[in-house]
Protein backbone atom coordinates (compact mmCIF):
# COMPACT_ATOMS: atom_id res chain seq x y z
CA MET A 1 -6.04 -93.40 21.24
CA LYS A 2 -6.54 -93.89 24.96
CA ARG A 3 -2.85 -93.44 25.47
CA ASN A 4 -2.86 -90.12 23.60
CA ILE A 5 -5.79 -88.86 25.64
CA CYS A 6 -4.14 -89.85 28.90
CA LEU A 7 -0.92 -88.18 27.80
CA ALA A 8 -2.74 -84.98 26.90
CA LEU A 9 -4.56 -84.94 30.25
CA GLY A 10 -1.30 -85.47 32.03
CA VAL A 11 0.34 -82.57 30.24
CA PHE A 12 -2.66 -80.33 30.99
CA ALA A 13 -2.59 -81.25 34.67
CA SER A 14 1.12 -80.53 34.83
CA LEU A 15 0.60 -77.08 33.28
CA VAL A 16 -2.17 -76.28 35.76
CA PHE A 17 0.02 -77.36 38.65
CA LEU A 18 2.99 -75.32 37.41
CA ARG A 19 0.87 -72.20 36.99
CA ALA A 20 -0.63 -72.61 40.45
CA ALA A 21 2.81 -73.08 41.94
CA ALA A 22 4.10 -69.98 40.16
CA ALA A 23 1.15 -67.94 41.38
CA ALA A 24 1.73 -69.11 44.93
CA GLN A 25 5.36 -68.03 44.76
CA ALA A 26 4.61 -64.61 43.21
CA PRO A 27 5.01 -61.67 45.62
CA PRO A 28 1.69 -60.19 46.85
CA ILE A 29 0.48 -57.00 45.18
CA ALA A 30 1.05 -54.03 47.48
CA VAL A 31 -2.21 -52.37 48.59
CA LYS A 32 -1.97 -48.67 49.33
CA PRO A 33 -3.96 -47.73 52.46
CA ILE A 34 -6.69 -45.18 51.88
CA ARG A 35 -6.38 -41.70 53.31
CA ALA A 36 -9.81 -40.91 54.72
CA VAL A 37 -10.79 -37.77 56.60
CA LYS A 38 -13.64 -36.76 58.87
CA ILE A 39 -15.69 -33.57 58.66
CA ILE A 40 -17.83 -32.65 61.68
CA LEU A 41 -20.54 -29.98 61.41
CA VAL A 42 -21.24 -27.92 64.53
CA GLY A 43 -23.91 -25.25 64.83
CA ASP A 44 -27.63 -24.51 65.02
CA SER A 45 -30.72 -25.31 62.95
CA THR A 46 -29.37 -23.55 59.86
CA THR A 47 -26.69 -26.27 59.71
CA ALA A 48 -28.70 -29.18 61.16
CA VAL A 49 -30.28 -32.03 59.20
CA GLY A 50 -33.79 -31.22 57.98
CA SER A 51 -33.65 -27.48 58.56
CA GLY A 52 -30.25 -26.29 57.34
CA TRP A 53 -27.60 -26.83 54.67
CA GLY A 54 -25.67 -29.54 56.55
CA GLY A 55 -27.72 -32.53 55.44
CA SER A 56 -27.25 -31.71 51.77
CA PHE A 57 -23.57 -30.95 52.32
CA CYS A 58 -22.86 -34.42 53.70
CA ALA A 59 -25.11 -36.19 51.20
CA LEU A 60 -24.09 -34.36 48.03
CA HIS A 61 -20.64 -32.88 48.53
CA ALA A 62 -18.60 -35.29 50.66
CA THR A 63 -16.83 -38.04 48.73
CA SER A 64 -16.66 -41.69 49.82
CA PHE A 65 -13.31 -40.89 51.48
CA VAL A 66 -15.04 -38.59 53.99
CA ALA A 67 -16.92 -39.46 57.15
CA CYS A 68 -19.28 -36.48 57.30
CA VAL A 69 -20.88 -36.20 60.74
CA ASN A 70 -23.58 -33.57 61.30
CA LEU A 71 -23.76 -32.72 65.00
CA ALA A 72 -25.50 -29.36 64.54
CA ARG A 73 -28.65 -28.97 66.64
CA GLY A 74 -31.58 -26.60 66.31
CA GLY A 75 -31.93 -23.74 68.78
CA ARG A 76 -28.36 -23.84 70.04
CA SER A 77 -25.98 -20.96 70.65
CA THR A 78 -22.27 -20.91 71.42
CA ARG A 79 -23.30 -21.17 75.08
CA SER A 80 -26.06 -23.78 75.07
CA TYR A 81 -24.33 -26.14 72.62
CA ARG A 82 -21.53 -26.56 75.12
CA GLU A 83 -23.69 -26.57 78.25
CA GLU A 84 -25.87 -29.45 77.04
CA GLY A 85 -22.84 -31.63 76.27
CA SER A 86 -22.92 -31.56 72.48
CA TRP A 87 -19.36 -30.22 72.27
CA LYS A 88 -18.13 -33.19 74.33
CA LEU A 89 -19.56 -35.47 71.65
CA VAL A 90 -17.67 -33.53 69.00
CA LEU A 91 -14.38 -33.95 70.84
CA ALA A 92 -15.10 -37.67 71.26
CA GLU A 93 -15.53 -37.89 67.47
CA VAL A 94 -12.21 -36.11 67.00
CA ARG A 95 -10.40 -38.59 69.23
CA SER A 96 -11.73 -41.65 67.41
CA ARG A 97 -8.97 -43.30 65.41
CA GLY A 98 -8.62 -44.30 61.78
CA PHE A 99 -8.80 -40.94 60.01
CA ALA A 100 -5.87 -39.01 58.59
CA ASP A 101 -7.37 -35.64 59.55
CA THR A 102 -10.51 -34.30 61.20
CA TRP A 103 -12.03 -30.94 60.31
CA ILE A 104 -14.68 -29.17 62.40
CA LEU A 105 -16.93 -26.64 60.66
CA ILE A 106 -18.38 -24.27 63.29
CA GLN A 107 -21.30 -21.93 62.53
CA PHE A 108 -23.16 -20.00 65.26
CA GLY A 109 -24.87 -16.63 65.60
CA HIS A 110 -28.63 -16.98 65.15
CA ASN A 111 -29.38 -18.06 68.71
CA ASP A 112 -26.64 -15.91 70.21
CA GLN A 113 -28.71 -12.87 69.25
CA PRO A 114 -30.75 -11.04 71.93
CA GLY A 115 -34.19 -12.24 72.99
CA LYS A 116 -33.48 -15.94 73.51
CA PRO A 117 -33.37 -16.62 77.28
CA GLY A 118 -30.76 -19.17 78.28
CA ARG A 119 -29.11 -19.01 74.88
CA SER A 120 -28.31 -15.39 74.01
CA THR A 121 -24.73 -14.23 74.47
CA ASP A 122 -23.17 -10.79 74.59
CA LEU A 123 -21.85 -9.90 71.14
CA THR A 124 -18.77 -8.06 72.35
CA THR A 125 -17.68 -10.35 75.20
CA GLU A 126 -19.19 -13.83 75.57
CA PHE A 127 -19.79 -14.64 71.90
CA PRO A 128 -16.17 -14.13 70.74
CA THR A 129 -14.85 -15.73 73.93
CA ASN A 130 -16.94 -18.84 73.26
CA LEU A 131 -15.71 -19.03 69.67
CA ARG A 132 -12.08 -18.76 70.77
CA ARG A 133 -12.61 -21.58 73.24
CA TYR A 134 -14.11 -23.82 70.54
CA VAL A 135 -11.11 -23.15 68.30
CA ASP A 136 -8.55 -23.71 71.06
CA GLU A 137 -10.13 -26.98 72.22
CA ALA A 138 -10.48 -28.27 68.66
CA LEU A 139 -6.80 -27.62 68.02
CA ALA A 140 -5.80 -29.19 71.34
CA ALA A 141 -7.75 -32.33 70.41
CA GLY A 142 -5.87 -32.57 67.11
CA ALA A 143 -8.60 -31.29 64.79
CA HIS A 144 -8.61 -28.49 62.23
CA PRO A 145 -11.33 -25.91 63.04
CA VAL A 146 -12.97 -23.83 60.34
CA LEU A 147 -15.22 -20.91 61.33
CA LEU A 148 -18.30 -20.05 59.28
CA THR A 149 -20.18 -16.78 59.52
CA PRO A 150 -23.94 -17.30 60.07
CA LEU A 151 -26.23 -17.94 57.12
CA THR A 152 -28.30 -14.84 56.34
CA ARG A 153 -31.99 -14.58 57.10
CA ARG A 154 -34.19 -13.73 54.12
CA GLN A 155 -36.04 -10.61 55.31
CA PHE A 156 -36.49 -7.58 53.04
CA LEU A 157 -37.51 -3.96 53.46
CA ALA A 158 -38.26 -1.94 50.32
CA GLY A 159 -36.34 -4.43 48.20
CA ARG A 160 -33.23 -4.47 50.40
CA LEU A 161 -32.14 -7.50 52.41
CA GLN A 162 -32.13 -6.82 56.17
CA ASN A 163 -29.00 -8.73 57.16
CA ASP A 164 -29.43 -8.54 60.94
CA LEU A 165 -26.65 -11.11 61.45
CA ALA A 166 -23.92 -8.92 59.96
CA PRO A 167 -22.49 -7.85 63.37
CA TRP A 168 -22.19 -11.50 64.44
CA ALA A 169 -20.57 -12.35 61.12
CA GLU A 170 -18.00 -9.59 61.62
CA THR A 171 -17.14 -10.97 65.06
CA VAL A 172 -16.68 -14.48 63.68
CA ALA A 173 -14.36 -13.12 60.99
CA LYS A 174 -12.30 -11.25 63.59
CA VAL A 175 -11.88 -14.38 65.73
CA ALA A 176 -10.83 -16.41 62.67
CA ALA A 177 -8.20 -13.80 61.80
CA GLU A 178 -7.00 -13.60 65.39
CA LYS A 179 -6.71 -17.39 65.70
CA GLN A 180 -5.39 -17.79 62.15
CA VAL A 181 -7.92 -20.46 61.20
CA PRO A 182 -9.82 -20.72 57.89
CA LEU A 183 -12.99 -18.68 57.46
CA VAL A 184 -15.95 -19.45 55.21
CA ASP A 185 -17.83 -16.15 55.01
CA LEU A 186 -21.23 -17.72 54.44
CA ASN A 187 -23.03 -14.61 55.65
CA THR A 188 -21.57 -12.38 52.95
CA LEU A 189 -21.99 -15.00 50.24
CA SER A 190 -25.56 -15.91 51.19
CA ALA A 191 -26.60 -12.27 51.67
CA LYS A 192 -25.33 -11.36 48.21
CA ALA A 193 -27.13 -14.34 46.65
CA VAL A 194 -30.41 -13.68 48.45
CA GLN A 195 -30.31 -9.98 47.57
CA GLU A 196 -29.91 -10.89 43.91
CA MET A 197 -32.85 -13.33 44.14
CA GLY A 198 -35.21 -10.82 45.70
CA PRO A 199 -37.82 -11.63 48.36
CA ALA A 200 -40.26 -13.63 46.22
CA GLU A 201 -37.60 -15.96 44.83
CA ALA A 202 -35.86 -16.24 48.19
CA ASN A 203 -39.11 -17.47 49.76
CA LYS A 204 -38.76 -20.64 47.67
CA LEU A 205 -35.76 -21.64 49.82
CA ALA A 206 -37.97 -22.08 52.90
CA GLN A 207 -39.27 -25.37 54.26
CA MET A 208 -42.87 -24.69 53.23
CA PRO A 209 -44.57 -22.32 50.77
CA PRO A 210 -45.60 -18.92 52.19
CA SER A 211 -49.19 -17.92 52.82
CA SER A 212 -50.89 -15.77 50.21
CA GLU A 213 -50.49 -12.72 52.46
CA VAL A 214 -46.76 -13.35 52.94
CA ALA A 215 -46.30 -14.01 49.21
CA ALA A 216 -48.08 -10.76 48.32
CA ALA A 217 -45.86 -8.80 50.69
CA ALA A 218 -42.74 -10.36 49.18
CA ALA A 219 -43.91 -9.35 45.73
CA SER A 220 -44.06 -5.75 46.96
CA GLY A 221 -40.45 -5.92 48.12
CA THR A 222 -41.05 -5.98 51.88
CA THR A 223 -41.39 -9.23 53.84
CA ILE A 224 -43.79 -9.54 56.77
CA SER A 225 -43.82 -11.92 59.71
CA ALA A 226 -45.08 -15.38 58.88
CA GLN A 227 -47.24 -15.14 62.03
CA THR A 228 -48.16 -11.54 62.80
CA GLY A 229 -47.88 -9.71 59.50
CA ALA A 230 -45.60 -7.12 61.10
CA ALA A 231 -42.68 -5.66 59.22
CA PRO A 232 -39.16 -6.40 60.52
CA SER A 233 -37.75 -4.05 63.15
CA THR A 234 -35.35 -5.97 65.40
CA PRO A 235 -33.10 -9.00 64.79
CA GLY A 236 -35.35 -11.90 63.86
CA ALA A 237 -38.56 -9.86 64.28
CA ALA A 238 -40.00 -10.97 60.94
CA ASP A 239 -39.17 -14.55 61.84
CA THR A 240 -40.99 -15.14 65.12
CA VAL A 241 -41.88 -18.67 64.05
CA THR A 242 -38.20 -19.62 64.22
CA GLN A 243 -37.99 -19.97 68.00
CA LYS A 244 -41.07 -22.20 68.01
CA LEU A 245 -39.57 -24.43 65.34
CA ASP A 246 -36.34 -24.76 67.29
CA ASN A 247 -37.91 -25.50 70.66
CA THR A 248 -41.04 -27.57 70.15
CA ALA A 249 -39.89 -30.44 67.92
CA PRO A 250 -39.05 -33.75 69.67
CA ALA A 251 -35.39 -34.73 69.70
CA GLY A 252 -34.24 -35.58 66.20
CA LYS A 253 -37.44 -34.24 64.60
CA VAL A 254 -38.07 -31.06 62.62
CA ASN A 255 -41.20 -28.92 62.70
CA LYS A 256 -41.70 -27.71 59.15
CA ALA A 257 -43.28 -24.34 58.50
CA PHE A 258 -42.62 -21.23 56.45
CA ASP A 259 -40.12 -18.77 57.89
CA TYR A 260 -37.17 -16.66 56.74
CA THR A 261 -34.42 -18.63 58.47
CA HIS A 262 -34.77 -22.38 57.96
CA LEU A 263 -34.23 -24.21 54.70
CA GLY A 264 -36.23 -26.71 52.70
CA ARG A 265 -34.61 -29.13 50.28
CA ASP A 266 -34.00 -26.53 47.57
CA GLY A 267 -32.52 -24.09 50.06
CA ALA A 268 -30.36 -26.76 51.68
CA ASP A 269 -29.00 -27.90 48.31
CA TYR A 270 -28.33 -24.33 47.22
CA PHE A 271 -26.37 -23.25 50.28
CA ALA A 272 -24.62 -26.60 50.71
CA ALA A 273 -23.10 -26.15 47.25
CA MET A 274 -22.06 -22.63 48.26
CA VAL A 275 -20.34 -23.92 51.42
CA ALA A 276 -18.61 -26.76 49.55
CA GLU A 277 -17.23 -24.45 46.85
CA GLU A 278 -15.95 -21.87 49.32
CA LEU A 279 -14.56 -24.51 51.67
CA ALA A 280 -12.55 -26.09 48.86
CA ALA A 281 -11.15 -22.66 48.00
CA LYS A 282 -10.28 -21.67 51.56
CA VAL A 283 -9.02 -25.11 52.65
CA PRO A 284 -7.16 -26.59 49.65
CA ALA A 285 -6.35 -29.74 51.64
CA LEU A 286 -10.06 -30.58 51.57
CA SER A 287 -10.67 -29.90 47.87
CA GLU A 288 -9.99 -33.50 46.80
CA TYR A 289 -12.55 -34.73 49.32
CA LEU A 290 -15.40 -32.48 48.16
CA VAL A 291 -17.76 -32.85 45.21
CA PRO A 292 -18.35 -29.49 43.47
């Protein structure tokens, strides 16, 4: 009996040894390297985390094969973003190794408008020149730039959206065509969507609920300033709280209040989905990296 048991154990041990030896001699399974990309967001508060669509875009629409880096900063224009050194950080991100491709999404316009000392740029000269320089330097660094027209503000007069950023959007589109780079026409898309919502529904996209006075005005079809109660007359006039929000928050923080420019969570999610869908359509190479 003992002999049979010993014999059986010996046979078992031999089989284990033979299998281990065979496994050791088997060729290793080839592992295919991943192809990861990087998407960098550049712009102002309407793209930045906590006040724009960018936070939701990275969180909800970039797959695990994307390093989504949001370097948009509140209150910046095509001039001030470069002057403060933020663009240098973008180029440093581009030059970091390990990614198959890097895409830079660039959206400016709100703070390039008149009335913002130290930030405003001339629409016909400086603004397009600055955009061209961003595109040229992105390409020179080995990145793929994508221009976005500025997200619409949500101001209404007699039921009609007052899209005061349309001239800036047209300039962005012209530069994109001239430079032959992809364009996401967020201004046209967002303006159409907000017009269809109407002022009362569009107010739900803001960071905070409107006051009763502002809500009543929206119900009538005409928005009023969140601060003064005045009707819109010049670019951003019904949104005077915007400049305060952009300028008074400590670095990395967001002052939350009701206005017609910045986005709360619902607004960020809504427009992030819009950007992701249009980006996938205009840049097919990115479609596999984006969640609808």
